[in-house]
């Protein structure tokens, strides 16, 4: 009788496990969308930036894109945001 209960419990655990993993994996696409939207924001800002601004931000953008493609979405998003800030920060400074 105890073996029968153990088998039933194991079968139930196996049936429920994929649903639990699916819930854990749900945030990953959101992080990927953040990378994609930040890359689009960078591209939009870059269209209006000077060559000097682009050269300052390009390394951070490339690093962010690399991290995003490796699945390190949080780090990649931070680098992309840094690149956007470098372009945006440069455009908001008064010229001498």
Protein backbone atom coordinates (compact mmCIF):
# COMPACT_ATOMS: atom_id res chain seq x y z
CA UNK A 1 0.00 0.00 0.00
CA UNK A 2 2.80 2.45 0.83
CA UNK A 3 4.54 1.76 -2.47
CA UNK A 4 1.30 2.49 -4.30
CA UNK A 5 1.02 5.89 -2.56
CA UNK A 6 4.65 6.69 -3.39
CA UNK A 7 4.07 5.87 -7.07
CA UNK A 8 0.94 8.02 -7.19
CA UNK A 9 2.73 10.91 -5.46
CA UNK A 10 5.66 10.65 -7.88
CA UNK A 11 3.34 10.61 -10.87
CA UNK A 12 1.51 13.67 -9.56
CA UNK A 13 4.78 15.51 -9.02
CA UNK A 14 5.90 14.72 -12.56
CA UNK A 15 2.58 15.94 -13.94
CA UNK A 16 2.79 19.25 -12.08
CA UNK A 17 6.52 19.94 -12.61
CA UNK A 18 6.29 21.25 -16.23
CA UNK A 19 3.72 23.84 -15.15
CA UNK A 20 6.01 25.06 -12.41
CA UNK A 21 8.92 25.40 -14.82
CA UNK A 22 6.72 27.23 -17.31
CA UNK A 23 5.82 29.82 -14.69
CA UNK A 24 9.48 30.41 -13.85
CA UNK A 25 10.41 30.87 -17.51
CA UNK A 26 7.74 33.52 -18.16
CA UNK A 27 9.82 36.57 -17.12
CA UNK A 28 12.59 35.80 -19.63
CA UNK A 29 10.66 37.02 -22.72
CA UNK A 30 9.95 40.30 -20.93
CA UNK A 31 13.66 40.78 -20.32
CA UNK A 32 14.31 40.02 -24.00
CA UNK A 33 11.76 42.62 -25.00
CA UNK A 34 13.53 45.13 -22.79
CA UNK A 35 16.76 44.50 -24.66
CA UNK A 36 15.02 44.86 -28.00
CA UNK A 37 13.20 48.04 -27.01
CA UNK A 38 16.39 49.55 -25.59
CA UNK A 39 18.27 48.71 -28.78
CA UNK A 40 15.50 50.42 -30.75
CA UNK A 41 15.69 53.46 -28.46
CA UNK A 42 19.46 53.60 -28.98
CA UNK A 43 19.06 53.35 -32.75
CA UNK A 44 16.49 56.16 -32.70
CA UNK A 45 18.74 58.39 -30.57
CA UNK A 46 21.75 57.50 -32.71
CA UNK A 47 19.99 58.76 -35.84
CA UNK A 48 20.11 62.30 -34.43
CA UNK A 49 23.52 62.03 -32.76
CA UNK A 50 26.84 63.39 -33.94
CA UNK A 51 29.75 61.14 -34.86
CA UNK A 52 31.49 62.15 -31.64
CA UNK A 53 28.48 61.11 -29.54
CA UNK A 54 28.20 57.82 -31.38
CA UNK A 55 31.84 56.95 -30.86
CA UNK A 56 31.47 57.58 -27.13
CA UNK A 57 28.38 55.35 -26.83
CA UNK A 58 29.18 52.60 -29.37
CA UNK A 59 31.25 50.45 -27.01
CA UNK A 60 28.50 50.38 -24.38
CA UNK A 61 25.88 49.58 -27.05
CA UNK A 62 27.94 46.74 -28.48
CA UNK A 63 28.60 45.30 -25.02
CA UNK A 64 24.89 45.55 -24.17
CA UNK A 65 23.86 43.79 -27.37
CA UNK A 66 26.42 41.05 -26.70
CA UNK A 67 25.18 40.51 -23.13
CA UNK A 68 21.56 40.42 -24.31
CA UNK A 69 22.37 37.82 -26.96
CA UNK A 70 24.12 35.70 -24.31
CA UNK A 71 20.94 35.71 -22.21
CA UNK A 72 22.28 38.17 -19.63
CA UNK A 73 19.34 40.50 -20.11
CA UNK A 74 19.68 42.54 -16.92
CA UNK A 75 23.34 43.35 -17.56
CA UNK A 76 22.71 43.95 -21.25
CA UNK A 77 19.81 46.29 -20.55
CA UNK A 78 21.98 48.26 -18.12
CA UNK A 79 24.72 48.68 -20.75
CA UNK A 80 22.19 49.70 -23.40
CA UNK A 81 20.71 52.26 -21.01
CA UNK A 82 24.23 53.56 -20.37
CA UNK A 83 24.76 53.98 -24.12
CA UNK A 84 21.46 55.82 -24.50
CA UNK A 85 22.37 58.08 -21.60
CA UNK A 86 25.74 58.87 -23.19
CA UNK A 87 24.01 60.04 -26.35
CA UNK A 88 21.16 61.82 -24.58
CA UNK A 89 23.44 63.39 -21.98
CA UNK A 90 25.72 64.75 -24.67
CA UNK A 91 22.86 66.36 -26.58
CA UNK A 92 21.50 68.13 -23.51
CA UNK A 93 24.76 69.83 -22.58
CA UNK A 94 25.05 73.45 -23.64
CA UNK A 95 27.66 74.13 -26.28
CA UNK A 96 30.44 76.61 -25.58
